[in-house]
């Protein structure tokens, strides 16, 4: 059980300082009994606000179709952020909602957001080896000799001491400047740097899949709540 003001603040309803006014403005109850004291103790499952249960008290895990031009940083000085697509209350949660890994502003597609720090550590850890599928278009035709090069686990990126883990490259006979690449790690700008190591520039990059997750019919900027079991 936690203090009511702490519970409300952690879930983004108000700050702890604002909790007393929040309780005056809303019908807050614990197990059906009206509560006005912000220091009251309660379990999240027992709290109702204006008759509604608390908003995802056990944590958020979101699948987002990231549009181009947005950054995964919390720093507003870096430009429009993926977090700006979320409801205001979710942006005020503590721990804050953050991305599992990052996609740069020139990369679109599937990204996961969560306020559960253990999930961030789990799915960004090299030990977990969750496969991630990217689709890229390039400035030149791609040749079959790149397939064993990327799969060998010997490709060394500029500035790195360890080579990339083996990656699966898929080429398309009817689209020689389009490729799909499956990675199990997440080095900085890895897809672009892997192609750059072969003298190729990536023009567009889109993440198609993360583990078992795909975007389905989500449009750019749209998201849905998911369960970890879906990954």
Protein backbone atom coordinates (compact mmCIF):
# COMPACT_ATOMS: atom_id res chain seq x y z
CA UNK A 1 0.00 0.00 0.00
CA UNK A 2 1.13 3.54 -0.73
CA UNK A 3 0.11 7.05 0.21
CA UNK A 4 -2.65 8.29 -2.04
CA UNK A 5 -0.79 11.45 -3.03
CA UNK A 6 2.25 9.39 -4.08
CA UNK A 7 0.08 7.00 -6.04
CA UNK A 8 -1.69 9.80 -7.90
CA UNK A 9 1.59 11.57 -8.62
CA UNK A 10 3.33 8.44 -9.92
CA UNK A 11 0.45 7.80 -12.32
CA UNK A 12 0.44 11.37 -13.63
CA UNK A 13 -2.87 12.60 -12.20
CA UNK A 14 -1.26 15.47 -10.30
CA UNK A 15 1.85 16.33 -8.35
CA UNK A 16 2.02 15.41 -4.66
CA UNK A 17 1.67 19.11 -3.86
CA UNK A 18 -1.50 19.29 -5.97
CA UNK A 19 -3.05 16.13 -4.48
CA UNK A 20 -5.20 17.88 -1.86
CA UNK A 21 -6.85 20.11 -4.49
CA UNK A 22 -7.23 17.11 -6.80
CA UNK A 23 -9.13 15.23 -4.10
CA UNK A 24 -11.46 18.20 -3.64
CA UNK A 25 -12.25 18.39 -7.36
CA UNK A 26 -12.73 14.66 -7.98
CA UNK A 27 -14.72 11.88 -6.37
CA UNK A 28 -11.89 9.66 -5.12
CA UNK A 29 -12.73 6.51 -3.19
CA UNK A 30 -10.91 3.56 -1.72
CA UNK A 31 -12.96 0.37 -1.58
CA UNK A 32 -16.08 2.46 -2.09
CA UNK A 33 -15.34 4.92 0.73
CA UNK A 34 -14.77 8.57 -0.21
CA UNK A 35 -11.29 9.85 0.62
CA UNK A 36 -10.10 13.44 1.04
CA UNK A 37 -6.85 12.93 2.95
CA UNK A 38 -3.86 12.72 0.57
CA UNK A 39 -1.85 10.83 3.20
CA UNK A 40 -4.34 7.95 3.23
CA UNK A 41 -2.85 4.56 2.35
CA UNK A 42 -4.33 2.55 -0.49
CA UNK A 43 -3.65 -0.23 -2.96
CA UNK A 44 -3.94 0.87 -6.57
CA UNK A 45 -6.56 -1.78 -7.34
CA UNK A 46 -8.88 -0.35 -4.66
CA UNK A 47 -8.87 3.26 -5.86
CA UNK A 48 -11.55 4.82 -8.05
CA UNK A 49 -11.50 8.33 -9.49
CA UNK A 50 -14.91 9.62 -10.56
CA UNK A 51 -16.00 5.99 -10.61
CA UNK A 52 -13.14 4.81 -12.85
CA UNK A 53 -10.19 2.59 -11.88
CA UNK A 54 -6.69 4.03 -12.01
CA UNK A 55 -5.08 4.33 -15.44
CA UNK A 56 -2.72 1.36 -15.97
CA UNK A 57 -1.44 1.26 -12.37
CA UNK A 58 0.82 -1.73 -13.09
CA UNK A 59 2.77 0.08 -15.80
CA UNK A 60 2.57 0.97 -19.47
CA UNK A 61 3.99 -0.90 -22.44
CA UNK A 62 3.18 0.67 -25.80
CA UNK A 63 3.83 -0.21 -29.43
CA UNK A 64 4.20 2.97 -31.48
CA UNK A 65 4.48 3.53 -35.22
CA UNK A 66 7.11 6.27 -35.10
CA UNK A 67 6.82 8.91 -37.82
CA UNK A 68 9.85 10.51 -39.43
CA UNK A 69 11.10 13.71 -37.82
CA UNK A 70 10.56 12.73 -34.18
CA UNK A 71 13.34 12.01 -31.69
CA UNK A 72 13.36 9.50 -28.83
CA UNK A 73 14.98 12.00 -26.46
CA UNK A 74 13.19 13.64 -23.55
CA UNK A 75 15.08 16.87 -24.25
CA UNK A 76 12.68 19.31 -25.93
CA UNK A 77 15.65 21.20 -27.38
CA UNK A 78 16.30 18.28 -29.76
CA UNK A 79 12.99 18.81 -31.56
CA UNK A 80 9.58 17.10 -31.66
CA UNK A 81 9.57 13.96 -29.50
CA UNK A 82 7.78 10.62 -29.72
CA UNK A 83 6.49 11.29 -26.19
CA UNK A 84 4.53 14.29 -27.45
CA UNK A 85 2.19 11.78 -29.16
CA UNK A 86 1.09 10.40 -25.78
CA UNK A 87 -1.69 11.64 -23.46
CA UNK A 88 -0.53 14.35 -21.07
CA UNK A 89 -1.14 12.15 -18.03
CA UNK A 90 1.16 9.44 -19.38
CA UNK A 91 3.90 12.00 -19.99
CA UNK A 92 3.71 12.96 -16.30
CA UNK A 93 4.16 9.42 -14.94
CA UNK A 94 7.01 8.53 -12.59
CA UNK A 95 9.05 6.57 -13.60
CA UNK A 96 8.73 8.43 -16.89
CA UNK A 97 7.75 6.70 -20.10
CA UNK A 98 10.86 6.07 -22.19
CA UNK A 99 11.77 4.17 -25.32
CA UNK A 100 13.22 0.67 -25.41
CA UNK A 101 16.20 1.46 -27.59
CA UNK A 102 16.01 4.38 -29.99
CA UNK A 103 15.20 5.21 -33.57
CA UNK A 104 16.77 8.40 -34.91
CA UNK A 105 14.62 11.16 -36.36
CA UNK A 106 15.26 9.95 -39.93
CA UNK A 107 14.09 6.40 -39.12
CA UNK A 108 10.43 5.41 -38.91
CA UNK A 109 8.56 2.37 -37.72
CA UNK A 110 8.07 0.17 -34.71
CA UNK A 111 9.32 1.28 -31.32
CA UNK A 112 8.31 0.27 -27.82
CA UNK A 113 7.69 2.76 -25.01
CA UNK A 114 7.37 1.89 -21.33
CA UNK A 115 7.58 3.24 -17.81
CA UNK A 116 8.84 -0.13 -16.55
CA UNK A 117 12.59 0.25 -16.18
CA UNK A 118 13.15 -3.48 -15.90
CA UNK A 119 11.75 -3.94 -19.41
CA UNK A 120 14.09 -1.27 -20.79
CA UNK A 121 17.09 -3.09 -19.31
CA UNK A 122 15.83 -6.48 -20.43
CA UNK A 123 15.17 -5.66 -24.07
CA UNK A 124 18.22 -3.44 -24.62
CA UNK A 125 20.59 -5.98 -23.09
CA UNK A 126 22.83 -7.75 -25.65
CA UNK A 127 22.14 -10.98 -23.77
CA UNK A 128 18.45 -10.95 -24.70
CA UNK A 129 19.12 -10.99 -28.47
CA UNK A 130 15.63 -9.95 -29.52
CA UNK A 131 15.50 -9.91 -33.35
CA UNK A 132 14.65 -6.59 -35.00
CA UNK A 133 13.74 -6.36 -38.68
CA UNK A 134 14.51 -3.22 -40.71
CA UNK A 135 13.69 -2.30 -44.30
CA UNK A 136 16.18 0.00 -46.04
CA UNK A 137 16.51 1.68 -49.40
CA UNK A 138 19.98 2.59 -50.62
CA UNK A 139 21.76 4.81 -53.11
CA UNK A 140 23.06 1.92 -55.21
CA UNK A 141 22.17 -1.61 -56.24
CA UNK A 142 22.93 -4.22 -53.57
CA UNK A 143 24.83 -7.36 -54.52
CA UNK A 144 24.55 -10.93 -53.15
CA UNK A 145 28.10 -10.85 -51.76
CA UNK A 146 26.80 -8.64 -48.95
CA UNK A 147 24.72 -11.50 -47.55
CA UNK A 148 27.65 -13.64 -46.29
CA UNK A 149 29.55 -10.49 -45.26
CA UNK A 150 26.75 -9.40 -42.92
CA UNK A 151 26.19 -12.98 -41.70
CA UNK A 152 29.83 -13.67 -40.86
CA UNK A 153 29.93 -11.71 -37.62
CA UNK A 154 33.23 -10.09 -38.67
CA UNK A 155 32.06 -6.70 -39.95
CA UNK A 156 33.79 -4.02 -37.89
CA UNK A 157 32.19 -0.58 -37.79
CA UNK A 158 34.22 2.61 -37.61
CA UNK A 159 35.02 3.47 -34.01
CA UNK A 160 34.05 0.02 -32.68
CA UNK A 161 36.40 -2.50 -31.09
CA UNK A 162 34.11 -5.53 -31.45
CA UNK A 163 32.60 -6.66 -34.77
CA UNK A 164 28.85 -6.76 -35.37
CA UNK A 165 27.00 -9.91 -34.42
CA UNK A 166 25.86 -12.03 -37.39
CA UNK A 167 22.96 -10.36 -39.19
CA UNK A 168 20.55 -11.70 -41.80
CA UNK A 169 20.39 -9.64 -45.00
CA UNK A 170 17.56 -10.20 -47.47
CA UNK A 171 17.73 -8.83 -51.01
CA UNK A 172 14.97 -8.46 -53.61
CA UNK A 173 15.47 -9.30 -57.28
CA UNK A 174 12.75 -6.87 -58.37
CA UNK A 175 14.04 -4.04 -56.13
CA UNK A 176 17.86 -4.09 -56.14
CA UNK A 177 18.13 -1.00 -53.93
CA UNK A 178 15.82 -2.34 -51.22
CA UNK A 179 16.86 -4.74 -48.46
CA UNK A 180 15.67 -6.17 -45.18
CA UNK A 181 18.10 -6.68 -42.32
CA UNK A 182 17.53 -8.66 -39.13
CA UNK A 183 19.70 -7.61 -36.16
CA UNK A 184 19.96 -9.05 -32.66
CA UNK A 185 21.88 -6.11 -31.21
CA UNK A 186 21.51 -2.36 -31.23
CA UNK A 187 24.72 -0.45 -31.82
CA UNK A 188 24.44 3.29 -32.48
CA UNK A 189 22.98 3.87 -35.99
CA UNK A 190 23.94 0.28 -36.72
CA UNK A 191 22.03 -0.35 -39.96
CA UNK A 192 23.29 2.83 -41.59
CA UNK A 193 26.86 2.19 -40.42
CA UNK A 194 26.86 -1.43 -41.62
CA UNK A 195 25.90 -0.37 -45.11
CA UNK A 196 28.31 2.58 -44.95
CA UNK A 197 31.13 0.11 -44.24
CA UNK A 198 30.45 -1.34 -47.71
CA UNK A 199 30.39 2.08 -49.40
CA UNK A 200 26.59 2.24 -49.49
CA UNK A 201 24.38 5.05 -48.17
CA UNK A 202 21.00 4.28 -46.62
CA UNK A 203 18.38 6.70 -47.95
CA UNK A 204 15.33 5.51 -45.99
CA UNK A 205 15.06 3.23 -42.99
CA UNK A 206 11.97 1.70 -41.40
CA UNK A 207 11.73 -0.78 -38.53
CA UNK A 208 9.20 -3.43 -39.48
CA UNK A 209 9.32 -5.86 -36.56
CA UNK A 210 10.54 -6.19 -32.97
CA UNK A 211 10.56 -9.78 -31.71
CA UNK A 212 7.15 -11.14 -32.70
CA UNK A 213 5.58 -7.68 -32.84
CA UNK A 214 4.59 -5.98 -36.09
CA UNK A 215 2.81 -2.69 -36.69
CA UNK A 216 -0.33 -4.25 -38.14
CA UNK A 217 -2.68 -1.48 -39.25
CA UNK A 218 -1.17 1.21 -36.99
CA UNK A 219 -0.68 4.43 -38.93
CA UNK A 220 2.32 6.74 -38.32
CA UNK A 221 1.84 8.44 -34.97
CA UNK A 222 -0.60 5.81 -33.68
CA UNK A 223 0.10 3.46 -30.78
CA UNK A 224 -1.54 0.67 -28.81
CA UNK A 225 -1.07 -0.81 -25.35
CA UNK A 226 0.47 -4.29 -25.43
CA UNK A 227 1.47 -7.06 -23.01
CA UNK A 228 5.05 -8.28 -22.67
CA UNK A 229 3.86 -11.75 -23.71
CA UNK A 230 3.30 -10.37 -27.24
CA UNK A 231 7.02 -9.72 -27.70
